[in-house]
Amino acid sequence: MRMVDLIEKKRDGGVLSEQEIRYIVDEYTKNQIPDYQMSALLMAIFYEDMTDEEITALTLAMAESGEVIDLSSIAGIKVDKHSTGGVGDTTTLILAPLVASVGVPVAKMSGRGLGYTGGTLDKLESIPGFKIELSEAEFIRLVNDSQVAVIGQSGNLAPADKKLYALRDVTATVNSIPLIASSIMSKKIAAGADAIVLDVTTGDGAFMKNLDDARRLAHTMVRIGKLADRQTMAIISDMSQPLGEAIGNSLEIVEAIETLQGKGPEDLVEMCYVLGSQMVVLAKKAETLEEARQLLEEALNSGAAFEKFKEMIRQQGGDVTYIDEPDRLLTATHQIELPAKQTGVVTKLVANELGIAAMMLGAGRRTKEESVDHAVGLKLHKKVGEAVQEGEALLTIYSNTDAIDDVVELLYQNIEIGQTGEEPPLIHEIITE
């Protein structure tokens, strides 16, 4: 089998066989195929697309290129959740204990963030003492004992995906739905989940800027999951404005605590119910999404979900007194309000630009080597569709420096106030097939 023949086949619109795709992934992972040939194949895929069977073969080959986590010793159906990204995406912090509190095992492997704010691990490390590095045996024991644990991803999870993504990043082939879908699903499958719930975001703050692309990606990943014997559901959610009110690591922990205490922002609560209901159904703890939602609402209102969150923090070494007194997590030296320049209605909050403003404060990383400042970020006081008076605070900037003129300028450029404005829909579609 020669790589040049496979490049030619895909370039001319042919369909690669499972054997051919496994050869490509295996040989590239072992450095037997040079980057220039793989770049040519990626560009051919970018233009010629792939069938569902090709994408599934690519996904499984990448998943099996490294360590595949075995979670079979955890009782019950293990359901994983993945978001394609956004600004203020605090859902995992809430969903893990919420879903676990109704008896669904949540064995969650998360990553660190590049870009706007830290990833789930960075947010959890805002809590003093919290350990994200656990042995596989300890991880499994915690999930069997208390139904939930959140740890860092194995360094050898889907190494083929790491190599391919780095190459896609420098060859203008990132924005290919077959390559995006296989990248996401290979890591989810390698992480050992029995079932997968996907949050595919669309809008200014999302990777998929338009609804049609998001719809195709969601349907593609659901089909891949089912072809790979993983029950899979998806939602398409709006990310034209940030989700919730907090953008930043400790700020999002505080928001998660408030949400689990029944005091969270309406859009964030709704998102957690929608995603959580799918997780509960896939775990066979409820027959319908309506029944699953009722279980989750009862767990949140009774305080069971909040107690499960505290149990998770305690089990992984975190200081629970910070959960009982969340204001102790807010340690930025400056809290500066951004006043509205006119009276009217908020018509636009450009999610990705607000995320960049938070990153400029230190809440995110530009490179993998950078550290994050857990204390800094933004707390929104107004969302799209809400009325505001001149001089009223649009948001609060949490900063460890008072030299924030560039941040203020960027925020004003990306918050629009007019005479009329409507809140965008939170959920565009729910996809089960």
Protein backbone atom coordinates (compact mmCIF):
# COMPACT_ATOMS: atom_id res chain seq x y z
CA MET A 1 0.00 0.00 0.00
CA ARG A 2 1.44 3.37 -1.03
CA MET A 3 0.43 6.70 0.50
CA VAL A 4 0.65 8.48 -2.86
CA ASP A 5 -2.00 6.14 -4.29
CA LEU A 6 -4.33 6.82 -1.35
CA ILE A 7 -3.88 10.59 -1.75
CA GLU A 8 -4.73 10.26 -5.45
CA LYS A 9 -7.79 8.11 -4.66
CA LYS A 10 -9.24 10.66 -2.23
CA ARG A 11 -8.24 13.60 -4.47
CA ASP A 12 -10.32 12.07 -7.25
CA GLY A 13 -13.38 11.59 -5.01
CA GLY A 14 -12.85 7.93 -4.14
CA VAL A 15 -13.88 6.26 -0.88
CA LEU A 16 -11.06 4.97 1.35
CA SER A 17 -11.56 1.53 2.88
CA GLU A 18 -11.28 0.82 6.60
CA GLN A 19 -8.02 -1.04 5.93
CA GLU A 20 -6.59 1.93 4.02
CA ILE A 21 -7.59 4.41 6.73
CA ARG A 22 -6.08 2.25 9.47
CA TYR A 23 -2.86 2.01 7.47
CA ILE A 24 -2.71 5.81 7.14
CA VAL A 25 -3.36 6.47 10.84
CA ASP A 26 -1.01 3.75 12.10
CA GLU A 27 1.87 4.68 9.82
CA TYR A 28 1.51 8.42 10.45
CA THR A 29 1.44 7.87 14.22
CA LYS A 30 4.68 5.87 13.89
CA ASN A 31 6.26 8.70 11.83
CA GLN A 32 6.42 6.47 8.72
CA ILE A 33 4.34 8.90 6.63
CA PRO A 34 5.85 12.40 6.21
CA ASP A 35 3.90 15.55 7.03
CA TYR A 36 3.89 16.70 3.40
CA GLN A 37 1.98 13.59 2.30
CA MET A 38 -0.46 13.74 5.20
CA SER A 39 -1.00 17.45 4.44
CA ALA A 40 -1.94 16.54 0.88
CA LEU A 41 -4.44 13.95 2.11
CA LEU A 42 -5.97 16.40 4.61
CA MET A 43 -6.49 18.93 1.83
CA ALA A 44 -8.07 16.24 -0.37
CA ILE A 45 -10.46 15.37 2.49
CA PHE A 46 -11.17 19.07 3.01
CA TYR A 47 -12.35 19.40 -0.62
CA GLU A 48 -13.77 15.92 -1.33
CA ASP A 49 -15.41 15.17 2.06
CA MET A 50 -15.83 11.68 3.55
CA THR A 51 -18.68 9.20 3.92
CA ASP A 52 -20.07 8.32 7.36
CA GLU A 53 -18.28 4.96 7.12
CA GLU A 54 -14.97 6.65 6.31
CA ILE A 55 -15.36 9.09 9.21
CA THR A 56 -16.20 6.24 11.59
CA ALA A 57 -13.17 4.23 10.45
CA LEU A 58 -10.96 7.32 10.92
CA THR A 59 -12.47 7.95 14.36
CA LEU A 60 -11.89 4.38 15.58
CA ALA A 61 -8.37 4.24 14.15
CA MET A 62 -7.44 7.45 15.98
CA ALA A 63 -9.14 6.28 19.20
CA GLU A 64 -7.14 3.04 19.10
CA SER A 65 -3.83 4.76 18.28
CA GLY A 66 -3.05 5.03 21.99
CA GLU A 67 -4.50 4.18 25.37
CA VAL A 68 -8.19 3.20 25.44
CA ILE A 69 -9.58 3.59 28.95
CA ASP A 70 -11.47 0.57 30.30
CA LEU A 71 -14.32 1.71 32.55
CA SER A 72 -16.11 -1.66 32.57
CA SER A 73 -15.45 -2.10 36.31
CA ILE A 74 -17.63 0.95 37.03
CA ALA A 75 -21.21 -0.18 37.60
CA GLY A 76 -23.86 1.27 35.28
CA ILE A 77 -23.87 3.04 31.93
CA LYS A 78 -21.13 5.68 31.79
CA VAL A 79 -22.23 8.80 29.90
CA ASP A 80 -19.78 11.46 28.73
CA LYS A 81 -20.60 14.99 27.60
CA HIS A 82 -18.65 17.16 25.18
CA SER A 83 -19.04 20.77 24.12
CA THR A 84 -17.53 22.08 20.90
CA GLY A 85 -16.59 25.20 22.85
CA GLY A 86 -17.84 28.59 23.89
CA VAL A 87 -17.49 31.48 26.30
CA GLY A 88 -18.70 31.04 29.86
CA ASP A 89 -19.22 27.29 29.35
CA THR A 90 -19.59 26.24 32.99
CA THR A 91 -21.87 23.27 32.28
CA THR A 92 -19.50 20.42 33.20
CA LEU A 93 -19.00 21.81 36.70
CA ILE A 94 -22.77 21.67 37.24
CA LEU A 95 -23.72 18.65 35.15
CA ALA A 96 -21.25 16.20 36.71
CA PRO A 97 -22.68 16.41 40.27
CA LEU A 98 -26.24 17.07 39.08
CA VAL A 99 -26.42 13.94 36.93
CA ALA A 100 -24.48 11.87 39.48
CA SER A 101 -27.00 12.86 42.16
CA VAL A 102 -29.73 10.91 40.31
CA GLY A 103 -27.61 7.77 40.09
CA VAL A 104 -25.81 8.16 36.75
CA PRO A 105 -22.05 7.42 36.98
CA VAL A 106 -20.01 10.35 35.66
CA ALA A 107 -16.41 9.34 34.98
CA LYS A 108 -15.25 12.57 33.39
CA MET A 109 -11.86 13.22 31.81
CA SER A 110 -11.41 16.88 30.96
CA GLY A 111 -8.70 19.07 29.53
CA ARG A 112 -7.11 22.44 30.04
CA GLY A 113 -8.19 25.38 27.97
CA LEU A 114 -6.45 27.27 25.21
CA GLY A 115 -7.93 30.62 24.30
CA TYR A 116 -10.60 32.53 26.17
CA THR A 117 -10.54 31.00 29.66
CA GLY A 118 -9.18 27.92 31.32
CA GLY A 119 -10.68 24.50 30.76
CA THR A 120 -12.67 22.54 33.33
CA LEU A 121 -9.46 21.44 35.08
CA ASP A 122 -8.20 25.02 35.42
CA LYS A 123 -11.54 26.06 36.89
CA LEU A 124 -11.51 23.22 39.43
CA GLU A 125 -7.94 24.09 40.41
CA SER A 126 -9.30 27.45 41.58
CA ILE A 127 -10.41 25.44 44.64
CA PRO A 128 -7.42 25.01 47.00
CA GLY A 129 -6.29 21.40 47.32
CA PHE A 130 -8.35 19.96 44.45
CA LYS A 131 -6.45 17.11 42.75
CA ILE A 132 -6.97 16.49 39.05
CA GLU A 133 -4.25 13.85 38.77
CA LEU A 134 -5.52 10.49 40.06
CA SER A 135 -4.49 6.92 39.23
CA GLU A 136 -6.92 4.98 37.07
CA ALA A 137 -7.67 2.68 40.01
CA GLU A 138 -8.43 5.63 42.32
CA PHE A 139 -10.55 7.27 39.62
CA ILE A 140 -12.65 4.12 39.19
CA ARG A 141 -12.97 3.66 42.96
CA LEU A 142 -14.28 7.21 43.42
CA VAL A 143 -16.88 6.84 40.68
CA ASN A 144 -18.05 3.50 42.09
CA ASP A 145 -18.22 5.00 45.62
CA SER A 146 -19.82 8.38 44.90
CA GLN A 147 -20.85 8.24 41.21
CA VAL A 148 -18.61 11.12 40.13
CA ALA A 149 -14.99 12.17 39.55
CA VAL A 150 -13.39 14.68 37.18
CA ILE A 151 -9.72 14.20 36.29
CA GLY A 152 -7.17 15.16 33.65
CA GLN A 153 -6.96 13.30 30.36
CA SER A 154 -4.34 10.61 29.92
CA GLY A 155 -1.33 11.91 28.02
CA ASN A 156 -1.56 8.96 25.62
CA LEU A 157 -5.23 9.39 24.70
CA ALA A 158 -5.66 9.36 20.89
CA PRO A 159 -2.07 10.44 20.01
CA ALA A 160 -2.92 10.27 16.28
CA ASP A 161 -5.46 13.03 16.84
CA LYS A 162 -2.84 15.23 18.55
CA LYS A 163 -0.48 14.83 15.58
CA LEU A 164 -3.21 15.39 13.00
CA TYR A 165 -4.66 18.41 14.77
CA ALA A 166 -1.25 20.10 14.95
CA LEU A 167 -0.86 19.55 11.20
CA ARG A 168 -4.40 20.73 10.40
CA ASP A 169 -3.70 23.91 12.37
CA VAL A 170 -0.86 24.92 10.00
CA THR A 171 -2.37 23.67 6.72
CA ALA A 172 -5.73 25.52 6.82
CA THR A 173 -7.68 22.25 7.17
CA VAL A 174 -9.08 22.70 10.68
CA ASN A 175 -12.52 23.71 9.45
CA SER A 176 -13.46 20.36 7.90
CA ILE A 177 -16.52 18.63 9.36
CA PRO A 178 -15.22 15.05 8.85
CA LEU A 179 -11.93 16.00 10.54
CA ILE A 180 -13.61 17.91 13.37
CA ALA A 181 -16.09 15.09 14.02
CA SER A 182 -13.45 12.36 14.05
CA SER A 183 -11.16 14.41 16.29
CA ILE A 184 -13.87 14.95 18.92
CA MET A 185 -15.34 11.46 18.80
CA SER A 186 -11.97 9.65 18.86
CA LYS A 187 -11.15 11.20 22.24
CA LYS A 188 -14.62 10.48 23.63
CA ILE A 189 -14.46 6.83 22.55
CA ALA A 190 -10.89 6.40 23.85
CA ALA A 191 -12.01 7.83 27.20
CA GLY A 192 -14.23 4.79 27.73
CA ALA A 193 -17.75 6.22 27.64
CA ASP A 194 -20.69 3.89 26.92
CA ALA A 195 -22.80 6.81 25.66
CA ILE A 196 -22.06 10.38 24.59
CA VAL A 197 -24.00 13.67 24.78
CA LEU A 198 -22.77 16.46 22.50
CA ASP A 199 -23.30 20.21 22.80
CA VAL A 200 -22.59 21.63 19.35
CA THR A 201 -22.43 25.41 19.64
CA THR A 202 -23.09 27.94 16.88
CA GLY A 203 -22.73 31.71 16.66
CA ASP A 204 -20.03 34.36 17.16
CA GLY A 205 -18.46 32.60 20.13
CA ALA A 206 -18.46 29.13 18.55
CA PHE A 207 -16.30 27.25 16.08
CA MET A 208 -19.31 26.66 13.81
CA LYS A 209 -20.44 30.20 12.99
CA ASN A 210 -23.59 29.24 11.09
CA LEU A 211 -26.46 26.92 11.93
CA ASP A 212 -26.19 24.74 8.81
CA ASP A 213 -22.57 23.79 9.58
CA ALA A 214 -23.43 23.12 13.23
CA ARG A 215 -26.37 20.97 12.17
CA ARG A 216 -24.22 18.90 9.82
CA LEU A 217 -21.50 18.45 12.45
CA ALA A 218 -24.04 17.37 15.08
CA HIS A 219 -25.75 14.84 12.79
CA THR A 220 -22.35 13.52 11.65
CA MET A 221 -21.13 12.93 15.21
CA VAL A 222 -24.38 11.28 16.28
CA ARG A 223 -24.12 8.89 13.31
CA ILE A 224 -20.44 8.17 14.08
CA GLY A 225 -21.29 7.40 17.69
CA LYS A 226 -24.01 4.96 16.72
CA LEU A 227 -21.86 3.27 14.05
CA ALA A 228 -19.19 2.88 16.77
CA ASP A 229 -21.76 1.26 19.13
CA ARG A 230 -22.02 4.30 21.41
CA GLN A 231 -25.49 5.66 22.08
CA THR A 232 -25.21 9.34 21.14
CA MET A 233 -27.42 12.43 21.34
CA ALA A 234 -26.71 16.07 20.57
CA ILE A 235 -28.09 19.54 20.93
CA ILE A 236 -27.27 22.61 18.87
CA SER A 237 -26.99 25.56 21.24
CA ASP A 238 -26.52 29.27 20.63
CA MET A 239 -23.19 30.89 21.45
CA SER A 240 -23.73 34.35 19.95
CA GLN A 241 -23.49 35.69 23.52
CA PRO A 242 -21.73 34.12 26.53
CA LEU A 243 -23.57 31.37 28.41
CA GLY A 244 -24.42 32.41 31.97
CA GLU A 245 -22.84 35.50 33.50
CA ALA A 246 -19.29 34.52 34.50
CA ILE A 247 -16.20 34.38 32.26
CA GLY A 248 -13.13 33.30 34.20
CA ASN A 249 -11.99 30.40 36.35
CA SER A 250 -12.87 31.14 39.99
CA LEU A 251 -15.80 33.28 38.78
CA GLU A 252 -17.23 30.24 36.99
CA ILE A 253 -16.75 28.07 40.08
CA VAL A 254 -18.77 30.60 42.08
CA GLU A 255 -21.43 30.60 39.34
CA ALA A 256 -21.56 26.78 39.43
CA ILE A 257 -22.03 26.86 43.23
CA GLU A 258 -24.84 29.41 42.93
CA THR A 259 -26.49 27.34 40.19
CA LEU A 260 -26.36 24.16 42.26
CA GLN A 261 -27.94 26.14 45.11
CA GLY A 262 -30.84 27.09 42.83
CA LYS A 263 -29.65 30.66 42.20
CA GLY A 264 -28.03 30.31 38.78
CA PRO A 265 -28.59 32.33 35.58
CA GLU A 266 -31.67 31.13 33.71
CA ASP A 267 -29.88 30.25 30.47
CA LEU A 268 -27.17 28.22 32.22
CA VAL A 269 -29.73 26.32 34.31
CA GLU A 270 -31.79 25.51 31.22
CA MET A 271 -28.72 24.30 29.33
CA CYS A 272 -27.82 21.96 32.18
CA TYR A 273 -31.36 20.55 32.29
CA VAL A 274 -31.38 19.93 28.52
CA LEU A 275 -27.96 18.26 28.42
CA GLY A 276 -28.49 16.45 31.72
CA SER A 277 -31.82 15.03 30.59
CA GLN A 278 -30.11 13.40 27.60
CA MET A 279 -27.42 11.94 29.87
CA VAL A 280 -30.05 10.47 32.20
CA VAL A 281 -32.01 8.91 29.33
CA LEU A 282 -28.89 7.39 27.75
CA ALA A 283 -27.98 5.95 31.17
CA LYS A 284 -31.46 4.35 31.26
CA LYS A 285 -32.40 6.09 34.51
CA ALA A 286 -35.48 7.54 32.75
CA GLU A 287 -37.44 6.57 29.67
CA THR A 288 -38.20 10.07 28.37
CA LEU A 289 -36.47 13.45 28.36
CA GLU A 290 -39.42 14.88 30.33
CA GLU A 291 -39.09 12.24 33.07
CA ALA A 292 -35.33 12.78 33.20
CA ARG A 293 -35.74 16.55 33.56
CA GLN A 294 -38.14 16.05 36.46
CA LEU A 295 -35.53 13.91 38.26
CA LEU A 296 -32.88 16.61 37.73
CA GLU A 297 -35.16 19.43 38.89
CA GLU A 298 -35.93 17.49 42.08
CA ALA A 299 -32.21 16.87 42.71
CA LEU A 300 -31.39 20.56 42.24
CA ASN A 301 -34.30 21.85 44.34
CA SER A 302 -33.73 19.39 47.18
CA GLY A 303 -30.05 20.27 47.54
CA ALA A 304 -28.93 16.76 46.57
CA ALA A 305 -26.95 18.04 43.56
CA PHE A 306 -25.12 20.65 45.66
CA GLU A 307 -24.24 18.03 48.29
CA LYS A 308 -22.91 15.76 45.53
CA PHE A 309 -20.72 18.63 44.29
CA LYS A 310 -19.29 19.09 47.78
CA GLU A 311 -18.71 15.34 48.03
CA MET A 312 -16.82 15.39 44.72
CA ILE A 313 -14.63 18.29 45.85
CA ARG A 314 -13.94 16.63 49.21
CA GLN A 315 -13.15 13.23 47.63
CA GLN A 316 -10.55 14.83 45.36
CA GLY A 317 -8.81 16.74 48.14
CA GLY A 318 -10.45 20.15 47.71
CA ASP A 319 -11.13 22.47 50.64
CA VAL A 320 -14.92 22.39 51.00
CA THR A 321 -14.97 25.53 53.16
CA TYR A 322 -14.48 27.47 49.91
CA ILE A 323 -17.69 25.92 48.59
CA ASP A 324 -19.61 26.99 51.68
CA GLU A 325 -18.01 30.47 51.51
CA PRO A 326 -17.52 31.06 47.76
CA ASP A 327 -16.69 34.76 48.16
CA ARG A 328 -13.29 33.56 49.41
CA LEU A 329 -12.54 32.46 45.84
CA LEU A 330 -12.93 36.02 44.51
CA THR A 331 -9.41 37.33 45.13
CA ALA A 332 -8.77 39.76 42.24
CA THR A 333 -7.29 43.00 43.56
CA HIS A 334 -9.49 45.21 41.36
CA GLN A 335 -13.22 45.02 40.64
CA ILE A 336 -14.07 47.67 38.07
CA GLU A 337 -17.56 48.30 36.71
CA LEU A 338 -18.06 49.06 33.02
CA PRO A 339 -20.85 51.68 32.76
CA ALA A 340 -23.28 51.89 29.85
CA LYS A 341 -22.70 54.96 27.67
CA GLN A 342 -26.38 55.33 26.79
CA THR A 343 -29.87 54.24 27.79
CA GLY A 344 -31.53 51.49 25.76
CA VAL A 345 -31.54 47.73 25.30
CA VAL A 346 -28.49 45.48 24.93
CA THR A 347 -28.63 44.28 21.33
CA LYS A 348 -25.29 42.48 21.04
CA LEU A 349 -22.62 40.86 23.22
CA VAL A 350 -20.01 39.41 20.85
CA ALA A 351 -19.10 36.24 22.73
CA ASN A 352 -15.66 35.51 21.31
CA GLU A 353 -14.48 39.12 21.75
CA LEU A 354 -15.62 39.18 25.39
CA GLY A 355 -13.72 35.92 25.76
CA ILE A 356 -10.61 37.56 24.31
CA ALA A 357 -11.00 40.42 26.81
CA ALA A 358 -11.02 37.86 29.64
CA MET A 359 -7.93 36.21 28.17
CA MET A 360 -6.16 39.59 28.05
CA LEU A 361 -6.80 39.88 31.79
CA GLY A 362 -5.05 36.51 32.26
CA ALA A 363 -8.05 34.15 32.46
CA GLY A 364 -6.90 32.07 29.46
CA ARG A 365 -3.79 30.87 27.63
CA ARG A 366 -2.39 31.96 24.30
CA THR A 367 0.03 28.99 24.31
CA LYS A 368 0.05 25.66 26.16
CA GLU A 369 3.02 26.83 28.26
CA GLU A 370 1.23 29.84 29.77
CA SER A 371 -0.37 29.70 33.20
CA VAL A 372 -3.80 31.13 33.97
CA ASP A 373 -4.76 33.64 36.64
CA HIS A 374 -7.66 31.94 38.41
CA ALA A 375 -8.89 35.19 39.98
CA VAL A 376 -9.53 37.35 36.92
CA GLY A 377 -12.34 37.60 34.40
CA LEU A 378 -15.70 39.23 33.72
CA LYS A 379 -19.11 39.09 35.43
CA LEU A 380 -21.96 40.16 33.16
CA HIS A 381 -24.85 42.15 34.64
CA LYS A 382 -26.78 42.61 31.38
CA LYS A 383 -27.52 40.14 28.59
CA VAL A 384 -28.99 40.64 25.12
CA GLY A 385 -32.58 41.89 25.28
CA GLU A 386 -32.23 43.50 28.72
CA ALA A 387 -32.82 47.20 29.36
CA VAL A 388 -29.99 49.37 30.67
CA GLN A 389 -29.75 52.96 31.89
CA GLU A 390 -26.87 55.29 31.04
CA GLY A 391 -24.22 54.87 33.72
CA GLU A 392 -25.57 51.50 34.88
CA ALA A 393 -22.99 48.67 35.07
CA LEU A 394 -22.95 46.38 32.04
CA LEU A 395 -20.41 44.10 33.70
CA THR A 396 -17.69 43.98 36.33
CA ILE A 397 -14.04 43.48 35.38
CA TYR A 398 -12.04 41.37 37.85
CA SER A 399 -8.38 42.23 37.36
CA ASN A 400 -5.04 42.06 39.14
CA THR A 401 -3.89 45.26 37.45
CA ASP A 402 -5.51 48.65 36.93
CA ALA A 403 -3.87 48.99 33.49
CA ILE A 404 -6.89 47.74 31.58
CA ASP A 405 -7.56 50.48 29.01
CA ASP A 406 -7.17 48.02 26.11
CA VAL A 407 -9.63 45.61 27.75
CA VAL A 408 -12.18 48.39 28.32
CA GLU A 409 -11.85 49.55 24.71
CA LEU A 410 -12.37 46.01 23.39
CA LEU A 411 -15.45 45.52 25.59
CA TYR A 412 -17.10 48.75 24.44
CA GLN A 413 -16.44 47.80 20.81
CA ASN A 414 -18.29 44.50 21.28
CA ILE A 415 -21.28 45.49 23.43
CA GLU A 416 -24.00 47.21 21.45
CA ILE A 417 -26.97 49.13 22.87
CA GLY A 418 -29.97 50.08 20.77
CA GLN A 419 -33.68 50.73 21.17
CA THR A 420 -34.90 47.16 20.63
CA GLY A 421 -33.28 43.78 21.05
CA GLU A 422 -34.41 40.20 21.54
CA GLU A 423 -32.75 37.44 23.52
CA PRO A 424 -31.41 34.82 21.05
CA PRO A 425 -32.77 31.27 21.28
CA LEU A 426 -30.73 29.11 23.66
CA ILE A 427 -31.36 25.75 21.97
CA HIS A 428 -31.75 25.52 18.21
CA GLU A 429 -32.29 21.78 17.88
CA ILE A 430 -32.20 18.49 19.81
CA ILE A 431 -30.80 15.63 17.73
CA THR A 432 -31.30 12.00 18.63
CA GLU A 433 -30.87 10.40 15.19
